[in-house]
């Protein structure tokens, strides 16, 4: 009995201290997770614009090659954040609209991210790229880290601590509010909630 009590006390102490340690990490991961959950709405994204000028009234057959050539050498890219430069690659051309004034292309397989508009009468090109500002992107990168990123070590440590907090909580509370009484049903409800959302 005393041994169980000592274990319970130790778990409470570790649970408390590790809980304090991960408060800040939890806030960061929670906020970046919220942003990622609504990324299709493009909340908090900023529009970055590159300008260029080419010949007027080019035919479509010439236009795509000219756009690729001009933006490969565009000096304005140096002023963009690194993660936006990586996204600026011209990886797709899908015509969205054409009239007497302009032709507009979507330059991405993902919608609402990259557009180029060519104004026929002036030869003006406007390349619009949507992305998170750098101070938000760094947290997004941490949330989406892979095994090759340095963030992965922190993510692994965070995951292990959360796992310990979850398991240690099972042994901390006794009586009618303990795991064997109330806790087991709430735990099963939590698992069921995740499974439900996976399959609906």
Protein backbone atom coordinates (compact mmCIF):
# COMPACT_ATOMS: atom_id res chain seq x y z
CA UNK A 1 0.00 0.00 0.00
CA UNK A 2 2.81 2.37 0.95
CA UNK A 3 4.64 1.46 -2.23
CA UNK A 4 1.55 2.30 -4.31
CA UNK A 5 1.18 5.55 -2.44
CA UNK A 6 4.80 6.49 -3.11
CA UNK A 7 4.37 5.70 -6.81
CA UNK A 8 1.22 7.80 -6.92
CA UNK A 9 3.02 10.73 -5.28
CA UNK A 10 5.96 10.45 -7.68
CA UNK A 11 3.65 10.32 -10.68
CA UNK A 12 1.87 13.43 -9.44
CA UNK A 13 5.20 15.27 -9.08
CA UNK A 14 6.44 14.20 -12.52
CA UNK A 15 3.04 14.93 -14.03
CA UNK A 16 3.05 18.41 -12.50
CA UNK A 17 6.59 19.34 -13.53
CA UNK A 18 6.37 17.92 -17.04
CA UNK A 19 2.97 19.57 -17.41
CA UNK A 20 4.52 22.95 -16.66
CA UNK A 21 7.34 22.20 -19.11
CA UNK A 22 5.01 21.55 -22.04
CA UNK A 23 2.53 24.40 -21.45
CA UNK A 24 4.37 26.71 -23.86
CA UNK A 25 4.91 23.92 -26.39
CA UNK A 26 1.25 22.99 -26.23
CA UNK A 27 0.18 26.58 -26.90
CA UNK A 28 2.45 26.76 -29.98
CA UNK A 29 1.36 23.39 -31.38
CA UNK A 30 -2.29 24.15 -30.69
CA UNK A 31 -2.20 27.51 -32.49
CA UNK A 32 -0.27 26.16 -35.49
CA UNK A 33 -2.66 23.20 -35.59
CA UNK A 34 -5.64 25.55 -35.73
CA UNK A 35 -4.05 27.49 -38.61
CA UNK A 36 -3.36 24.24 -40.51
CA UNK A 37 -6.89 22.97 -39.94
CA UNK A 38 -8.26 26.02 -41.77
CA UNK A 39 -5.52 26.34 -44.41
CA UNK A 40 -8.04 25.86 -47.22
CA UNK A 41 -9.61 29.19 -46.15
CA UNK A 42 -6.19 30.91 -46.47
CA UNK A 43 -6.56 32.65 -43.12
CA UNK A 44 -3.51 34.66 -41.95
CA UNK A 45 -1.90 34.34 -45.39
CA UNK A 46 -0.28 37.31 -47.07
CA UNK A 47 -0.16 38.13 -50.77
CA UNK A 48 3.32 38.56 -52.25
CA UNK A 49 3.52 40.22 -55.67
CA UNK A 50 6.20 40.13 -58.38
CA UNK A 51 6.03 42.50 -61.35
CA UNK A 52 7.58 42.25 -64.80
CA UNK A 53 7.10 43.63 -68.28
CA UNK A 54 7.28 41.80 -71.61
CA UNK A 55 6.15 42.40 -75.17
CA UNK A 56 2.56 43.48 -75.80
CA UNK A 57 -0.11 41.30 -77.37
CA UNK A 58 1.83 38.04 -77.33
CA UNK A 59 0.15 34.90 -78.55
CA UNK A 60 -0.56 32.15 -76.02
CA UNK A 61 2.01 29.85 -77.63
CA UNK A 62 4.76 32.41 -76.95
CA UNK A 63 3.40 33.67 -73.65
CA UNK A 64 4.09 30.71 -71.37
CA UNK A 65 7.75 30.38 -72.43
CA UNK A 66 8.22 34.12 -72.02
CA UNK A 67 6.70 34.10 -68.52
CA UNK A 68 8.99 31.24 -67.43
CA UNK A 69 12.03 33.03 -68.84
CA UNK A 70 11.21 36.39 -67.23
CA UNK A 71 10.49 35.05 -63.76
CA UNK A 72 13.55 32.78 -63.75
CA UNK A 73 15.65 35.96 -63.73
CA UNK A 74 13.35 38.23 -61.71
CA UNK A 75 15.37 40.28 -59.21
CA UNK A 76 12.35 40.94 -56.97
CA UNK A 77 12.47 37.33 -55.78
CA UNK A 78 15.51 38.22 -53.66
CA UNK A 79 13.29 40.41 -51.49
CA UNK A 80 10.80 37.61 -50.76
CA UNK A 81 11.01 35.30 -47.72
CA UNK A 82 12.83 32.04 -48.47
CA UNK A 83 9.75 29.85 -48.07
CA UNK A 84 7.84 32.03 -50.59
CA UNK A 85 10.69 31.80 -53.11
CA UNK A 86 10.47 28.00 -52.86
CA UNK A 87 6.74 28.19 -53.59
CA UNK A 88 7.22 30.55 -56.54
CA UNK A 89 8.22 27.74 -58.95
CA UNK A 90 6.14 27.81 -62.12
CA UNK A 91 4.92 24.23 -61.91
CA UNK A 92 1.57 24.45 -63.68
CA UNK A 93 -0.35 26.65 -66.11
CA UNK A 94 -4.12 26.54 -66.02
CA UNK A 95 -6.01 29.28 -67.82
CA UNK A 96 -8.69 30.79 -65.61
CA UNK A 97 -9.89 33.78 -67.60
CA UNK A 98 -9.26 35.64 -70.84
CA UNK A 99 -10.78 38.81 -72.26
CA UNK A 100 -9.65 41.77 -74.38
CA UNK A 101 -7.61 43.18 -71.48
CA UNK A 102 -5.81 40.25 -69.88
CA UNK A 103 -5.15 36.52 -69.57
CA UNK A 104 -5.08 35.03 -66.08
CA UNK A 105 -3.38 31.73 -65.21
CA UNK A 106 -3.39 29.64 -62.09
CA UNK A 107 0.25 28.57 -61.56
CA UNK A 108 -0.27 25.78 -59.07
CA UNK A 109 -2.09 22.49 -58.69
CA UNK A 110 -3.39 23.82 -55.38
CA UNK A 111 -6.12 26.39 -55.87
CA UNK A 112 -5.97 30.02 -54.70
CA UNK A 113 -2.20 30.07 -54.19
CA UNK A 114 -0.37 31.36 -57.29
CA UNK A 115 -1.66 33.45 -60.19
CA UNK A 116 -0.11 35.26 -63.14
CA UNK A 117 -2.03 37.94 -64.98
CA UNK A 118 -0.79 39.22 -68.35
CA UNK A 119 -2.17 42.56 -69.51
CA UNK A 120 -2.17 42.44 -73.30
CA UNK A 121 -2.11 46.16 -74.13
CA UNK A 122 0.72 47.07 -71.74
CA UNK A 123 2.75 43.84 -71.56
CA UNK A 124 2.58 43.99 -67.76
CA UNK A 125 2.87 40.73 -65.80
CA UNK A 126 1.69 40.41 -62.21
CA UNK A 127 2.65 37.26 -60.33
CA UNK A 128 0.68 36.86 -57.10
CA UNK A 129 1.76 34.27 -54.51
CA UNK A 130 -0.16 33.62 -51.30
CA UNK A 131 1.64 32.27 -48.25
CA UNK A 132 2.09 32.68 -44.52
CA UNK A 133 4.36 35.46 -43.25
CA UNK A 134 7.72 34.20 -41.96
CA UNK A 135 6.81 34.51 -38.27
CA UNK A 136 3.83 32.16 -38.81
CA UNK A 137 5.57 29.85 -41.31
CA UNK A 138 8.24 28.85 -38.79
CA UNK A 139 5.55 27.45 -36.47
CA UNK A 140 3.80 25.73 -39.39
CA UNK A 141 7.13 24.08 -40.31
CA UNK A 142 7.56 22.88 -36.73
CA UNK A 143 4.10 21.30 -36.80
CA UNK A 144 4.74 19.56 -40.13
CA UNK A 145 8.31 18.44 -39.39
CA UNK A 146 9.69 15.20 -40.87
CA UNK A 147 12.41 12.90 -39.55
CA UNK A 148 15.09 14.88 -41.42
CA UNK A 149 14.24 18.19 -39.73
CA UNK A 150 15.76 19.34 -36.46
CA UNK A 151 12.21 20.07 -35.29
CA UNK A 152 11.55 16.31 -35.29
CA UNK A 153 13.60 15.83 -32.09
CA UNK A 154 11.51 18.38 -30.25
CA UNK A 155 8.31 16.91 -31.68
CA UNK A 156 9.37 13.42 -30.56
CA UNK A 157 10.19 14.63 -27.03
CA UNK A 158 6.88 16.48 -26.88
CA UNK A 159 4.99 13.36 -28.01
CA UNK A 160 6.71 11.17 -25.42
CA UNK A 161 5.93 13.66 -22.63
CA UNK A 162 2.28 13.85 -23.69
CA UNK A 163 2.12 10.05 -23.72
CA UNK A 164 3.53 9.95 -20.19
CA UNK A 165 1.06 12.61 -18.98
CA UNK A 166 -1.82 10.60 -20.43
CA UNK A 167 -0.71 7.27 -18.91
CA UNK A 168 0.35 8.69 -15.52
CA UNK A 169 -3.05 10.33 -15.12
CA UNK A 170 -4.59 6.83 -15.01
CA UNK A 171 -2.85 6.09 -11.68
CA UNK A 172 -3.19 9.49 -10.04
CA UNK A 173 -6.87 9.75 -9.16
CA UNK A 174 -8.58 7.17 -6.94
CA UNK A 175 -12.18 6.62 -5.89
CA UNK A 176 -15.34 7.27 -7.87
CA UNK A 177 -13.58 9.79 -10.12
CA UNK A 178 -10.62 7.44 -10.74
CA UNK A 179 -9.74 5.69 -13.98
CA UNK A 180 -11.40 2.37 -13.08
CA UNK A 181 -14.72 4.08 -12.42
CA UNK A 182 -15.27 7.21 -14.48
CA UNK A 183 -11.96 7.49 -16.33
CA UNK A 184 -12.19 4.34 -18.40
CA UNK A 185 -15.49 5.43 -19.96
CA UNK A 186 -14.21 8.91 -20.78
CA UNK A 187 -11.02 7.40 -22.26
CA UNK A 188 -13.06 5.07 -24.46
CA UNK A 189 -15.26 8.03 -25.45
CA UNK A 190 -12.14 9.95 -26.51
CA UNK A 191 -10.90 7.03 -28.63
CA UNK A 192 -14.38 6.60 -30.10
CA UNK A 193 -14.56 10.30 -30.99
CA UNK A 194 -11.32 10.09 -33.00
CA UNK A 195 -12.46 6.90 -34.76
CA UNK A 196 -15.82 8.50 -35.55
CA UNK A 197 -14.21 11.50 -37.22
CA UNK A 198 -11.86 9.23 -39.17
CA UNK A 199 -14.73 7.41 -40.84
CA UNK A 200 -17.54 9.94 -41.21
